[in-house]
C-alpha atoms as a PDB file:
ATOM      1  CA  UNK A   1      26.859  14.175 -24.052  1.00  0.00           C
ATOM      2  CA  UNK A   2      25.334  14.366 -20.606  1.00  0.00           C
ATOM      3  CA  UNK A   3      24.904  11.495 -18.187  1.00  0.00           C
ATOM      4  CA  UNK A   4      22.548  10.845 -15.319  1.00  0.00           C
ATOM      5  CA  UNK A   5      24.057   9.652 -12.059  1.00  0.00           C
ATOM      6  CA  UNK A   6      21.780   7.793  -9.710  1.00  0.00           C
ATOM      7  CA  UNK A   7      22.461   8.686  -6.069  1.00  0.00           C
ATOM      8  CA  UNK A   8      21.497   5.992  -3.579  1.00  0.00           C
ATOM      9  CA  UNK A   9      20.322   7.168  -0.180  1.00  0.00           C
ATOM     10  CA  UNK A  10      22.257   4.622   1.867  1.00  0.00           C
ATOM     11  CA  UNK A  11      20.658   5.567   5.182  1.00  0.00           C
ATOM     12  CA  UNK A  12      17.126   5.113   3.828  1.00  0.00           C
ATOM     13  CA  UNK A  13      17.922   1.782   2.124  1.00  0.00           C
ATOM     14  CA  UNK A  14      19.587   0.509   5.334  1.00  0.00           C
ATOM     15  CA  UNK A  15      16.596   1.571   7.423  1.00  0.00           C
ATOM     16  CA  UNK A  16      14.090  -0.169   5.135  1.00  0.00           C
ATOM     17  CA  UNK A  17      16.206  -3.342   4.948  1.00  0.00           C
ATOM     18  CA  UNK A  18      16.544  -3.410   8.738  1.00  0.00           C
ATOM     19  CA  UNK A  19      12.794  -3.032   9.178  1.00  0.00           C
ATOM     20  CA  UNK A  20      12.124  -5.935   6.786  1.00  0.00           C
ATOM     21  CA  UNK A  21      14.590  -8.143   8.673  1.00  0.00           C
ATOM     22  CA  UNK A  22      12.955  -7.250  11.971  1.00  0.00           C
ATOM     23  CA  UNK A  23       9.509  -8.138  10.605  1.00  0.00           C
ATOM     24  CA  UNK A  24      10.772 -11.400   9.130  1.00  0.00           C
ATOM     25  CA  UNK A  25      12.380 -12.281  12.440  1.00  0.00           C
ATOM     26  CA  UNK A  26       9.153 -11.476  14.278  1.00  0.00           C
ATOM     27  CA  UNK A  27       7.098 -13.595  11.894  1.00  0.00           C
ATOM     28  CA  UNK A  28       4.338 -10.979  11.587  1.00  0.00           C
ATOM     29  CA  UNK A  29       4.259 -10.506   7.817  1.00  0.00           C
ATOM     30  CA  UNK A  30       0.886 -10.953   6.153  1.00  0.00           C
ATOM     31  CA  UNK A  31       0.562 -12.130   2.522  1.00  0.00           C
ATOM     32  CA  UNK A  32       0.231  -8.478   1.531  1.00  0.00           C
ATOM     33  CA  UNK A  33       3.398  -7.645   3.471  1.00  0.00           C
ATOM     34  CA  UNK A  34       5.273 -10.458   1.725  1.00  0.00           C
ATOM     35  CA  UNK A  35       4.127  -9.141  -1.647  1.00  0.00           C
ATOM     36  CA  UNK A  36       5.381  -5.676  -0.701  1.00  0.00           C
ATOM     37  CA  UNK A  37       8.674  -7.196   0.477  1.00  0.00           C
ATOM     38  CA  UNK A  38       9.179  -8.984  -2.858  1.00  0.00           C
ATOM     39  CA  UNK A  39       8.361  -5.765  -4.730  1.00  0.00           C
ATOM     40  CA  UNK A  40      10.974  -3.900  -2.664  1.00  0.00           C
ATOM     41  CA  UNK A  41      13.574  -6.604  -3.375  1.00  0.00           C
ATOM     42  CA  UNK A  42      12.958  -6.398  -7.113  1.00  0.00           C
ATOM     43  CA  UNK A  43      13.060  -2.613  -7.212  1.00  0.00           C
ATOM     44  CA  UNK A  44      16.859  -2.429  -7.088  1.00  0.00           C
ATOM     45  CA  UNK A  45      19.916  -4.725  -6.814  1.00  0.00           C
ATOM     46  CA  UNK A  46      21.011  -2.359  -4.045  1.00  0.00           C
ATOM     47  CA  UNK A  47      18.064  -3.500  -1.929  1.00  0.00           C
ATOM     48  CA  UNK A  48      19.002  -7.168  -2.262  1.00  0.00           C
ATOM     49  CA  UNK A  49      22.672  -6.570  -1.519  1.00  0.00           C
ATOM     50  CA  UNK A  50      21.848  -4.473   1.546  1.00  0.00           C
ATOM     51  CA  UNK A  51      19.504  -7.092   2.930  1.00  0.00           C
ATOM     52  CA  UNK A  52      22.108  -9.844   2.428  1.00  0.00           C
ATOM     53  CA  UNK A  53      24.791  -7.724   4.077  1.00  0.00           C
ATOM     54  CA  UNK A  54      22.590  -7.104   7.111  1.00  0.00           C
ATOM     55  CA  UNK A  55      21.481 -10.700   7.356  1.00  0.00           C
ATOM     56  CA  UNK A  56      25.133 -11.710   7.775  1.00  0.00           C
ATOM     57  CA  UNK A  57      25.316  -9.801  11.066  1.00  0.00           C
ATOM     58  CA  UNK A  58      21.893 -10.736  12.406  1.00  0.00           C
ATOM     59  CA  UNK A  59      22.849 -12.929  15.347  1.00  0.00           C
ATOM     60  CA  UNK A  60      19.260 -13.881  16.059  1.00  0.00           C
ATOM     61  CA  UNK A  61      18.771 -15.400  12.630  1.00  0.00           C
ATOM     62  CA  UNK A  62      17.514 -18.961  13.009  1.00  0.00           C
ATOM     63  CA  UNK A  63      16.218 -21.664  10.721  1.00  0.00           C
ATOM     64  CA  UNK A  64      12.748 -20.136  10.602  1.00  0.00           C
ATOM     65  CA  UNK A  65      13.812 -16.713   9.368  1.00  0.00           C
ATOM     66  CA  UNK A  66      16.348 -18.362   7.047  1.00  0.00           C
ATOM     67  CA  UNK A  67      13.471 -20.251   5.454  1.00  0.00           C
ATOM     68  CA  UNK A  68      11.383 -17.089   5.152  1.00  0.00           C
ATOM     69  CA  UNK A  69      14.253 -15.232   3.500  1.00  0.00           C
ATOM     70  CA  UNK A  70      14.992 -18.098   1.138  1.00  0.00           C
ATOM     71  CA  UNK A  71      11.339 -18.362   0.117  1.00  0.00           C
ATOM     72  CA  UNK A  72      10.994 -14.611  -0.422  1.00  0.00           C
ATOM     73  CA  UNK A  73      14.177 -14.489  -2.476  1.00  0.00           C
ATOM     74  CA  UNK A  74      13.115 -17.481  -4.537  1.00  0.00           C
ATOM     75  CA  UNK A  75       9.699 -15.953  -5.273  1.00  0.00           C
ATOM     76  CA  UNK A  76      11.322 -12.663  -6.196  1.00  0.00           C
ATOM     77  CA  UNK A  77      13.642 -14.484  -8.591  1.00  0.00           C
ATOM     78  CA  UNK A  78      10.708 -16.293 -10.192  1.00  0.00           C
ATOM     79  CA  UNK A  79       8.727 -13.079 -10.651  1.00  0.00           C
ATOM     80  CA  UNK A  80      11.555 -11.289 -12.414  1.00  0.00           C
ATOM     81  CA  UNK A  81      12.768 -14.360 -14.363  1.00  0.00           C
ATOM     82  CA  UNK A  82      16.358 -13.781 -13.260  1.00  0.00           C
ATOM     83  CA  UNK A  83      17.733 -17.075 -11.942  1.00  0.00           C
ATOM     84  CA  UNK A  84      20.896 -16.965  -9.908  1.00  0.00           C
ATOM     85  CA  UNK A  85      21.399 -13.504  -8.390  1.00  0.00           C
ATOM     86  CA  UNK A  86      20.240 -13.409  -4.818  1.00  0.00           C
ATOM     87  CA  UNK A  87      19.442 -17.056  -4.352  1.00  0.00           C
ATOM     88  CA  UNK A  88      23.026 -17.995  -5.100  1.00  0.00           C
ATOM     89  CA  UNK A  89      24.126 -15.480  -2.499  1.00  0.00           C
ATOM     90  CA  UNK A  90      22.154 -17.343   0.164  1.00  0.00           C
ATOM     91  CA  UNK A  91      24.747 -20.076   0.166  1.00  0.00           C
ATOM     92  CA  UNK A  92      27.177 -17.556   1.586  1.00  0.00           C
ATOM     93  CA  UNK A  93      24.724 -16.445   4.254  1.00  0.00           C
ATOM     94  CA  UNK A  94      24.441 -19.584   6.371  1.00  0.00           C
ATOM     95  CA  UNK A  95      25.239 -20.353   9.070  1.00  0.00           C
ATOM     96  CA  UNK A  96      24.829 -16.787  10.326  1.00  0.00           C
ATOM     97  CA  UNK A  97      26.222 -16.395  13.840  1.00  0.00           C
ATOM     98  CA  UNK A  98      28.299 -13.418  14.834  1.00  0.00           C
ATOM     99  CA  UNK A  99      29.557 -11.515  17.867  1.00  0.00           C
ATOM    100  CA  UNK A 100      27.335  -9.642  20.319  1.00  0.00           C
ATOM    101  CA  UNK A 101      28.902  -6.395  19.118  1.00  0.00           C
ATOM    102  CA  UNK A 102      27.683  -6.900  15.549  1.00  0.00           C
ATOM    103  CA  UNK A 103      24.253  -7.928  16.792  1.00  0.00           C
ATOM    104  CA  UNK A 104      24.047  -4.855  19.008  1.00  0.00           C
ATOM    105  CA  UNK A 105      24.995  -2.615  16.086  1.00  0.00           C
ATOM    106  CA  UNK A 106      22.232  -4.004  13.932  1.00  0.00           C
ATOM    107  CA  UNK A 107      19.787  -3.721  16.802  1.00  0.00           C
ATOM    108  CA  UNK A 108      20.607  -0.032  17.129  1.00  0.00           C
ATOM    109  CA  UNK A 109      20.114   0.395  13.391  1.00  0.00           C
ATOM    110  CA  UNK A 110      16.708  -1.270  13.527  1.00  0.00           C
ATOM    111  CA  UNK A 111      15.787   0.719  16.633  1.00  0.00           C
ATOM    112  CA  UNK A 112      16.728   3.962  14.870  1.00  0.00           C
ATOM    113  CA  UNK A 113      14.716   3.005  11.815  1.00  0.00           C
ATOM    114  CA  UNK A 114      11.555   2.769  13.888  1.00  0.00           C
ATOM    115  CA  UNK A 115      12.140   5.554  16.432  1.00  0.00           C
ATOM    116  CA  UNK A 116      13.735   8.260  14.308  1.00  0.00           C
ATOM    117  CA  UNK A 117      11.504   7.508  11.325  1.00  0.00           C
ATOM    118  CA  UNK A 118       8.462   5.457  12.262  1.00  0.00           C
ATOM    119  CA  UNK A 119       7.799   5.037   8.620  1.00  0.00           C
ATOM    120  CA  UNK A 120      10.844   3.494   6.833  1.00  0.00           C
ATOM    121  CA  UNK A 121      10.084   5.596   3.770  1.00  0.00           C
ATOM    122  CA  UNK A 122      11.479   8.765   5.275  1.00  0.00           C
ATOM    123  CA  UNK A 123       8.987  10.693   7.425  1.00  0.00           C
ATOM    124  CA  UNK A 124       7.329  10.179  10.782  1.00  0.00           C
ATOM    125  CA  UNK A 125       3.753  10.464  11.954  1.00  0.00           C
ATOM    126  CA  UNK A 126       3.048  14.007  13.053  1.00  0.00           C
ATOM    127  CA  UNK A 127       2.499  14.539  16.770  1.00  0.00           C
ATOM    128  CA  UNK A 128       0.134  17.435  16.061  1.00  0.00           C
ATOM    129  CA  UNK A 129      -1.920  18.907  13.253  1.00  0.00           C
ATOM    130  CA  UNK A 130      -0.371  21.738  11.242  1.00  0.00           C
ATOM    131  CA  UNK A 131      -2.430  24.468   9.545  1.00  0.00           C
ATOM    132  CA  UNK A 132      -1.242  26.466   6.522  1.00  0.00           C
ATOM    133  CA  UNK A 133      -3.151  29.491   5.222  1.00  0.00           C
ATOM    134  CA  UNK A 134      -3.056  32.097   2.443  1.00  0.00           C
ATOM    135  CA  UNK A 135      -4.731  35.468   2.948  1.00  0.00           C
ATOM    136  CA  UNK A 136      -7.087  37.155   0.486  1.00  0.00           C
ATOM    137  CA  UNK A 137      -5.146  38.135  -2.621  1.00  0.00           C
ATOM    138  CA  UNK A 138      -2.097  35.923  -2.088  1.00  0.00           C
ATOM    139  CA  UNK A 139      -0.877  32.457  -3.011  1.00  0.00           C
ATOM    140  CA  UNK A 140       1.494  30.381  -0.895  1.00  0.00           C
ATOM    141  CA  UNK A 141       3.614  27.374  -1.738  1.00  0.00           C
ATOM    142  CA  UNK A 142       5.024  24.895   0.762  1.00  0.00           C
ATOM    143  CA  UNK A 143       6.773  21.515   0.802  1.00  0.00           C
ATOM    144  CA  UNK A 144       5.275  18.985   3.214  1.00  0.00           C
ATOM    145  CA  UNK A 145       7.225  16.547   5.359  1.00  0.00           C
ATOM    146  CA  UNK A 146       6.806  13.651   2.926  1.00  0.00           C
ATOM    147  CA  UNK A 147       8.106  15.665  -0.046  1.00  0.00           C
ATOM    148  CA  UNK A 148       4.696  16.588  -1.484  1.00  0.00           C
ATOM    149  CA  UNK A 149       4.270  20.162  -2.723  1.00  0.00           C
ATOM    150  CA  UNK A 150       1.183  22.276  -2.050  1.00  0.00           C
ATOM    151  CA  UNK A 151       0.186  25.619  -3.538  1.00  0.00           C
ATOM    152  CA  UNK A 152      -2.604  27.494  -1.768  1.00  0.00           C
ATOM    153  CA  UNK A 153      -4.847  29.904  -3.633  1.00  0.00           C
ATOM    154  CA  UNK A 154      -6.337  33.102  -2.227  1.00  0.00           C
ATOM    155  CA  UNK A 155      -8.223  32.931   1.091  1.00  0.00           C
ATOM    156  CA  UNK A 156      -7.454  29.226   1.479  1.00  0.00           C
ATOM    157  CA  UNK A 157      -6.270  27.011   4.311  1.00  0.00           C
ATOM    158  CA  UNK A 158      -5.394  23.356   4.891  1.00  0.00           C
ATOM    159  CA  UNK A 159      -4.834  21.199   7.957  1.00  0.00           C
ATOM    160  CA  UNK A 160      -2.135  18.523   7.648  1.00  0.00           C
ATOM    161  CA  UNK A 161      -2.308  15.463   9.898  1.00  0.00           C
ATOM    162  CA  UNK A 162       0.017  12.574   8.986  1.00  0.00           C
ATOM    163  CA  UNK A 163      -0.480   9.207  10.652  1.00  0.00           C
ATOM    164  CA  UNK A 164       1.228   5.836  10.213  1.00  0.00           C
ATOM    165  CA  UNK A 165      -1.553   4.753   7.844  1.00  0.00           C
ATOM    166  CA  UNK A 166      -2.419   7.885   5.883  1.00  0.00           C
ATOM    167  CA  UNK A 167      -1.196  11.313   4.804  1.00  0.00           C
ATOM    168  CA  UNK A 168      -4.316  13.290   5.623  1.00  0.00           C
ATOM    169  CA  UNK A 169      -4.921  16.875   4.463  1.00  0.00           C
ATOM    170  CA  UNK A 170      -8.180  18.719   5.135  1.00  0.00           C
ATOM    171  CA  UNK A 171      -9.040  21.633   2.858  1.00  0.00           C
ATOM    172  CA  UNK A 172     -10.659  23.984   5.349  1.00  0.00           C
ATOM    173  CA  UNK A 173     -11.403  26.775   2.888  1.00  0.00           C
ATOM    174  CA  UNK A 174     -10.715  27.768  -0.695  1.00  0.00           C
ATOM    175  CA  UNK A 175      -8.529  25.961  -3.196  1.00  0.00           C
ATOM    176  CA  UNK A 176      -5.195  24.154  -3.319  1.00  0.00           C
ATOM    177  CA  UNK A 177      -3.047  22.341  -5.862  1.00  0.00           C
ATOM    178  CA  UNK A 178      -1.167  19.224  -4.753  1.00  0.00           C
ATOM    179  CA  UNK A 179       1.871  17.543  -6.318  1.00  0.00           C
ATOM    180  CA  UNK A 180       1.954  14.316  -4.313  1.00  0.00           C
ATOM    181  CA  UNK A 181       5.115  12.376  -3.474  1.00  0.00           C
ATOM    182  CA  UNK A 182       4.641   8.694  -4.403  1.00  0.00           C
ATOM    183  CA  UNK A 183       4.207   6.351  -1.428  1.00  0.00           C
ATOM    184  CA  UNK A 184       1.993   3.278  -1.805  1.00  0.00           C
ATOM    185  CA  UNK A 185       2.327   2.498   1.903  1.00  0.00           C
ATOM    186  CA  UNK A 186       0.638   5.712   3.011  1.00  0.00           C
ATOM    187  CA  UNK A 187      -1.955   7.134   0.599  1.00  0.00           C
ATOM    188  CA  UNK A 188      -2.449  10.879   0.328  1.00  0.00           C
ATOM    189  CA  UNK A 189      -6.065  11.874   1.037  1.00  0.00           C
ATOM    190  CA  UNK A 190      -7.516  15.376   0.757  1.00  0.00           C
ATOM    191  CA  UNK A 191     -10.756  15.883   2.699  1.00  0.00           C
ATOM    192  CA  UNK A 192     -13.041  18.750   1.686  1.00  0.00           C
ATOM    193  CA  UNK A 193     -16.531  19.119   3.101  1.00  0.00           C
ATOM    194  CA  UNK A 194     -18.117  15.672   2.933  1.00  0.00           C
ATOM    195  CA  UNK A 195     -15.819  14.538   0.143  1.00  0.00           C
ATOM    196  CA  UNK A 196     -12.440  12.817  -0.005  1.00  0.00           C
ATOM    197  CA  UNK A 197      -9.881  12.701  -2.828  1.00  0.00           C
ATOM    198  CA  UNK A 198      -7.428   9.805  -2.551  1.00  0.00           C
ATOM    199  CA  UNK A 199      -4.116   9.665  -4.428  1.00  0.00           C
ATOM    200  CA  UNK A 200      -0.760   7.902  -4.248  1.00  0.00           C
ATOM    201  CA  UNK A 201       1.529   9.891  -6.523  1.00  0.00           C
ATOM    202  CA  UNK A 202      -0.205  12.415  -8.756  1.00  0.00           C
ATOM    203  CA  UNK A 203      -0.990  16.117  -9.244  1.00  0.00           C
ATOM    204  CA  UNK A 204      -4.434  17.645  -8.798  1.00  0.00           C
ATOM    205  CA  UNK A 205      -6.317  20.724  -7.621  1.00  0.00           C
ATOM    206  CA  UNK A 206      -9.208  20.726  -5.137  1.00  0.00           C
ATOM    207  CA  UNK A 207     -11.629  23.599  -4.608  1.00  0.00           C
ATOM    208  CA  UNK A 208     -14.299  23.750  -1.911  1.00  0.00           C
ATOM    209  CA  UNK A 209     -17.505  25.597  -2.842  1.00  0.00           C
ATOM    210  CA  UNK A 210     -19.974  25.289   0.046  1.00  0.00           C
ATOM    211  CA  UNK A 211     -21.210  21.680  -0.323  1.00  0.00           C
ATOM    212  CA  UNK A 212     -19.589  21.096  -3.731  1.00  0.00           C
ATOM    213  CA  UNK A 213     -16.014  19.916  -4.261  1.00  0.00           C
ATOM    214  CA  UNK A 214     -14.271  20.552  -7.590  1.00  0.00           C
ATOM    215  CA  UNK A 215     -11.304  18.358  -8.552  1.00  0.00           C
ATOM    216  CA  UNK A 216      -8.983  18.880 -11.533  1.00  0.00           C
ATOM    217  CA  UNK A 217      -6.392  16.159 -12.207  1.00  0.00           C
ATOM    218  CA  UNK A 218      -3.237  17.245 -14.044  1.00  0.00           C
ATOM    219  CA  UNK A 219      -1.379  13.911 -13.837  1.00  0.00           C
ATOM    220  CA  UNK A 220      -2.046  10.387 -12.568  1.00  0.00           C
ATOM    221  CA  UNK A 221      -5.461   9.530 -11.172  1.00  0.00           C
ATOM    222  CA  UNK A 222      -7.486   9.986  -8.003  1.00  0.00           C
ATOM    223  CA  UNK A 223     -10.457   8.263  -6.363  1.00  0.00           C
ATOM    224  CA  UNK A 224     -13.401  10.428  -5.307  1.00  0.00           C
ATOM    225  CA  UNK A 225     -15.336   9.361  -2.211  1.00  0.00           C
ATOM    226  CA  UNK A 226     -18.143  10.681  -0.057  1.00  0.00           C
ATOM    227  CA  UNK A 227     -18.073  10.581   3.744  1.00  0.00           C
ATOM    228  CA  UNK A 228     -21.775  10.947   4.493  1.00  0.00           C
ATOM    229  CA  UNK A 229     -23.735   8.048   5.864  1.00  0.00           C
ATOM    230  CA  UNK A 230     -27.424   7.243   6.086  1.00  0.00           C
ATOM    231  CA  UNK A 231     -29.322   4.113   7.055  1.00  0.00           C
ATOM    232  CA  UNK A 232     -29.141   2.659   3.549  1.00  0.00           C
ATOM    233  CA  UNK A 233     -25.568   3.697   2.752  1.00  0.00           C
ATOM    234  CA  UNK A 234     -22.437   1.602   2.954  1.00  0.00           C
ATOM    235  CA  UNK A 235     -19.999   2.532   5.755  1.00  0.00           C
ATOM    236  CA  UNK A 236     -18.162   5.728   4.868  1.00  0.00           C
ATOM    237  CA  UNK A 237     -16.161   6.588   2.937  1.00  0.00           C
ATOM    238  CA  UNK A 238     -17.605   4.966  -0.165  1.00  0.00           C
ATOM    239  CA  UNK A 239     -16.069   5.520  -3.604  1.00  0.00           C
ATOM    240  CA  UNK A 240     -17.939   7.505  -6.233  1.00  0.00           C
ATOM    241  CA  UNK A 241     -15.580   7.555  -9.213  1.00  0.00           C
ATOM    242  CA  UNK A 242     -12.007   7.348 -10.425  1.00  0.00           C
ATOM    243  CA  UNK A 243     -10.813  10.522 -12.130  1.00  0.00           C
ATOM    244  CA  UNK A 244      -8.022  10.339 -14.715  1.00  0.00           C
ATOM    245  CA  UNK A 245      -5.522  13.030 -15.732  1.00  0.00           C
ATOM    246  CA  UNK A 246      -7.030  15.686 -17.992  1.00  0.00           C
ATOM    247  CA  UNK A 247     -10.441  15.565 -16.306  1.00  0.00           C
ATOM    248  CA  UNK A 248     -12.372  17.742 -13.914  1.00  0.00           C
ATOM    249  CA  UNK A 249     -15.275  16.664 -11.712  1.00  0.00           C
ATOM    250  CA  UNK A 250     -17.667  18.316  -9.284  1.00  0.00           C
ATOM    251  CA  UNK A 251     -19.201  16.149  -6.559  1.00  0.00           C
ATOM    252  CA  UNK A 252     -20.940  16.076  -3.201  1.00  0.00           C
ATOM    253  CA  UNK A 253     -22.956  12.972  -2.307  1.00  0.00           C
ATOM    254  CA  UNK A 254     -22.711  12.005  -5.978  1.00  0.00           C
ATOM    255  CA  UNK A 255     -20.670  13.069  -8.959  1.00  0.00           C
ATOM    256  CA  UNK A 256     -22.480  16.064 -10.434  1.00  0.00           C
ATOM    257  CA  UNK A 257     -20.395  16.420 -13.591  1.00  0.00           C
ATOM    258  CA  UNK A 258     -17.232  15.158 -15.288  1.00  0.00           C
ATOM    259  CA  UNK A 259     -15.468  17.221 -17.935  1.00  0.00           C
ATOM    260  CA  UNK A 260     -12.586  16.266 -20.227  1.00  0.00           C
ATOM    261  CA  UNK A 261     -10.002  19.050 -20.529  1.00  0.00           C
ATOM    262  CA  UNK A 262      -7.103  19.556 -22.903  1.00  0.00           C
ATOM    263  CA  UNK A 263      -3.816  20.992 -21.655  1.00  0.00           C
ATOM    264  CA  UNK A 264      -4.777  24.551 -22.632  1.00  0.00           C
ATOM    265  CA  UNK A 265      -8.041  24.355 -20.687  1.00  0.00           C
ATOM    266  CA  UNK A 266      -6.245  22.988 -17.629  1.00  0.00           C
ATOM    267  CA  UNK A 267      -3.700  25.805 -17.810  1.00  0.00           C
ATOM    268  CA  UNK A 268      -6.546  28.323 -18.015  1.00  0.00           C
ATOM    269  CA  UNK A 269      -8.418  26.893 -15.043  1.00  0.00           C
ATOM    270  CA  UNK A 270      -5.256  26.736 -12.950  1.00  0.00           C
ATOM    271  CA  UNK A 271      -3.700  29.993 -14.160  1.00  0.00           C
ATOM    272  CA  UNK A 272      -4.035  31.356 -10.616  1.00  0.00           C
ATOM    273  CA  UNK A 273      -0.878  29.401  -9.783  1.00  0.00           C
ATOM    274  CA  UNK A 274       1.022  31.955 -11.896  1.00  0.00           C
ATOM    275  CA  UNK A 275      -0.719  34.972 -10.366  1.00  0.00           C
ATOM    276  CA  UNK A 276      -3.291  35.763 -13.028  1.00  0.00           C
ATOM    277  CA  UNK A 277      -6.786  34.761 -14.146  1.00  0.00           C
ATOM    278  CA  UNK A 278      -7.641  33.826 -17.715  1.00  0.00           C
ATOM    279  CA  UNK A 279     -11.171  33.967 -19.108  1.00  0.00           C
ATOM    280  CA  UNK A 280     -12.426  32.696 -22.447  1.00  0.00           C
ATOM    281  CA  UNK A 281     -16.012  33.841 -22.985  1.00  0.00           C
ATOM    282  CA  UNK A 282     -17.384  33.416 -19.443  1.00  0.00           C
ATOM    283  CA  UNK A 283     -20.319  35.674 -18.459  1.00  0.00           C
ATOM    284  CA  UNK A 284     -19.438  38.838 -16.559  1.00  0.00           C
ATOM    285  CA  UNK A 285     -21.226  37.505 -13.464  1.00  0.00           C
ATOM    286  CA  UNK A 286     -18.800  34.561 -13.263  1.00  0.00           C
ATOM    287  CA  UNK A 287     -15.805  36.782 -13.981  1.00  0.00           C
ATOM    288  CA  UNK A 288     -16.786  39.154 -11.168  1.00  0.00           C
ATOM    289  CA  UNK A 289     -17.335  36.267  -8.740  1.00  0.00           C
ATOM    290  CA  UNK A 290     -13.907  34.843  -9.543  1.00  0.00           C
ATOM    291  CA  UNK A 291     -12.049  38.152  -9.360  1.00  0.00           C
ATOM    292  CA  UNK A 292     -13.802  38.988  -6.072  1.00  0.00           C
ATOM    293  CA  UNK A 293     -12.023  36.042  -4.423  1.00  0.00           C
ATOM    294  CA  UNK A 294      -8.722  37.938  -4.683  1.00  0.00           C
ATOM    295  CA  UNK A 295      -9.765  41.284  -3.197  1.00  0.00           C
ATOM    296  CA  UNK A 296     -11.705  42.829  -0.320  1.00  0.00           C
ATOM    297  CA  UNK A 297     -13.397  45.186  -2.747  1.00  0.00           C
ATOM    298  CA  UNK A 298     -17.087  44.430  -3.282  1.00  0.00           C
ATOM    299  CA  UNK A 299     -17.856  44.436  -7.033  1.00  0.00           C
ATOM    300  CA  UNK A 300     -21.566  44.878  -7.816  1.00  0.00           C
ATOM    301  CA  UNK A 301     -23.204  44.553 -11.261  1.00  0.00           C
ATOM    302  CA  UNK A 302     -25.909  47.216 -11.206  1.00  0.00           C
ATOM    303  CA  UNK A 303     -27.362  46.467 -14.651  1.00  0.00           C
ATOM    304  CA  UNK A 304     -28.939  42.960 -14.990  1.00  0.00           C
ATOM    305  CA  UNK A 305     -28.341  43.116 -18.738  1.00  0.00           C
ATOM    306  CA  UNK A 306     -24.591  42.932 -18.054  1.00  0.00           C
ATOM    307  CA  UNK A 307     -24.781  39.640 -16.172  1.00  0.00           C
ATOM    308  CA  UNK A 308     -24.377  37.538 -19.320  1.00  0.00           C
ATOM    309  CA  UNK A 309     -21.888  39.771 -21.136  1.00  0.00           C
ATOM    310  CA  UNK A 310     -19.139  37.445 -22.407  1.00  0.00           C
ATOM    311  CA  UNK A 311     -15.636  38.333 -21.226  1.00  0.00           C
ATOM    312  CA  UNK A 312     -12.243  37.134 -22.436  1.00  0.00           C
ATOM    313  CA  UNK A 313      -8.698  38.063 -21.469  1.00  0.00           C
ATOM    314  CA  UNK A 314      -6.042  37.966 -18.760  1.00  0.00           C
ATOM    315  CA  UNK A 315      -6.373  39.696 -15.396  1.00  0.00           C
ATOM    316  CA  UNK A 316      -3.721  39.862 -12.699  1.00  0.00           C
ATOM    317  CA  UNK A 317      -5.077  38.520  -9.429  1.00  0.00           C
ATOM    318  CA  UNK A 318      -5.960  41.291  -6.993  1.00  0.00           C
ATOM    319  CA  UNK A 319      -5.486  44.125  -9.510  1.00  0.00           C
ATOM    320  CA  UNK A 320      -9.028  45.535  -9.508  1.00  0.00           C
ATOM    321  CA  UNK A 321      -8.155  48.890 -11.083  1.00  0.00           C
ATOM    322  CA  UNK A 322      -6.607  47.348 -14.202  1.00  0.00           C
ATOM    323  CA  UNK A 323      -9.567  44.995 -14.514  1.00  0.00           C
ATOM    324  CA  UNK A 324     -11.980  47.938 -14.375  1.00  0.00           C
ATOM    325  CA  UNK A 325      -9.999  49.800 -17.055  1.00  0.00           C
ATOM    326  CA  UNK A 326     -10.096  46.763 -19.361  1.00  0.00           C
ATOM    327  CA  UNK A 327     -13.849  46.353 -18.861  1.00  0.00           C
ATOM    328  CA  UNK A 328     -14.411  49.991 -19.763  1.00  0.00           C
ATOM    329  CA  UNK A 329     -12.075  50.100 -22.786  1.00  0.00           C
ATOM    330  CA  UNK A 330     -12.809  46.678 -24.305  1.00  0.00           C
ATOM    331  CA  UNK A 331     -16.339  45.817 -23.194  1.00  0.00           C
ATOM    332  CA  UNK A 332     -18.114  49.131 -22.606  1.00  0.00           C
ATOM    333  CA  UNK A 333     -18.642  48.550 -18.888  1.00  0.00           C
ATOM    334  CA  UNK A 334     -18.408  51.690 -16.770  1.00  0.00           C
ATOM    335  CA  UNK A 335     -17.746  51.757 -13.041  1.00  0.00           C
ATOM    336  CA  UNK A 336     -18.316  54.058 -10.084  1.00  0.00           C
ATOM    337  CA  UNK A 337     -16.551  53.783  -6.732  1.00  0.00           C
ATOM    338  CA  UNK A 338     -18.641  53.967  -3.562  1.00  0.00           C
ATOM    339  CA  UNK A 339     -16.001  54.555  -0.918  1.00  0.00           C
ATOM    340  CA  UNK A 340     -12.785  52.504  -0.967  1.00  0.00           C
ATOM    341  CA  UNK A 341     -14.237  48.988  -0.845  1.00  0.00           C
ATOM    342  CA  UNK A 342     -17.236  49.005  -3.170  1.00  0.00           C
ATOM    343  CA  UNK A 343     -17.499  49.562  -6.908  1.00  0.00           C
ATOM    344  CA  UNK A 344     -20.626  49.553  -9.090  1.00  0.00           C
ATOM    345  CA  UNK A 345     -20.589  48.253 -12.683  1.00  0.00           C
ATOM    346  CA  UNK A 346     -23.031  49.625 -15.257  1.00  0.00           C
ATOM    347  CA  UNK A 347     -23.398  49.759 -19.039  1.00  0.00           C
ATOM    348  CA  UNK A 348     -21.874  52.757 -20.775  1.00  0.00           C
ATOM    349  CA  UNK A 349     -24.479  55.335 -21.794  1.00  0.00           C
END
């Protein structure tokens, strides 16, 4: 029988607790901040215990912050219907007055929480934009600073620019799949053309096709928005639709289409992540356009009658020669090379 051991990141919990104490002491928490504070308290007993431990050595704690803490704890208790717990621990908190050494230690901890990691959830705002790119015929995978994973498709590039308010990624060219690390404090937004795809913790692919943006959601949900503005439009960005897992949408200034996909269809559309392309009855013209993304070879359909020939099967990305052999053997499509970077497709005689 196996067991799961939960490992608590003490440094991160301490940093978050210190930041909450500093905000409570400063009195600058909005109603939304207080709601987030109560949610953090209820997330784990470890959070409550850490906050109580730190409050004991907060020499600047006065009656005002004591009242704020007591109210927040009481509301947290009411929300979770667990009387006792933290509120009873408050009796051991007051009066809280300690030595200058203890106060200085906590000050350094709070200072570190904001200087070393401006965001208490583990990553700082980037001082400069970072660009990642994949060349024609290759895919690249990288892990971003916040823990999100990105896989770039052929001839694709992104620009990452994290701020204190938002994890911003611009899809400059091509296609990318994102597995987003959950963080409600800083949403993850992918900008492509005039569109924006906003997520918190989910997985989805975005492809840029001139003015059209294609989005395929594999888990969670995303919000699609458009960034264009005209005299009659609301200030940008304005939301167009919410897209659930198992759906694909194409949009520009409006949502052009929404398609429901089963798991097999999603795997087929995103098979490029495993280094191959899968077709299931698409016309040869579409197959050629898709395969051409992965090679510098120009593939030309010489016979118009072949444009709508239905093609099915698996093709390794970038392997033009094998693709040509399969077309000849299985679909009666001949080919003729014109130099090293151009091939002509024609019907077998």
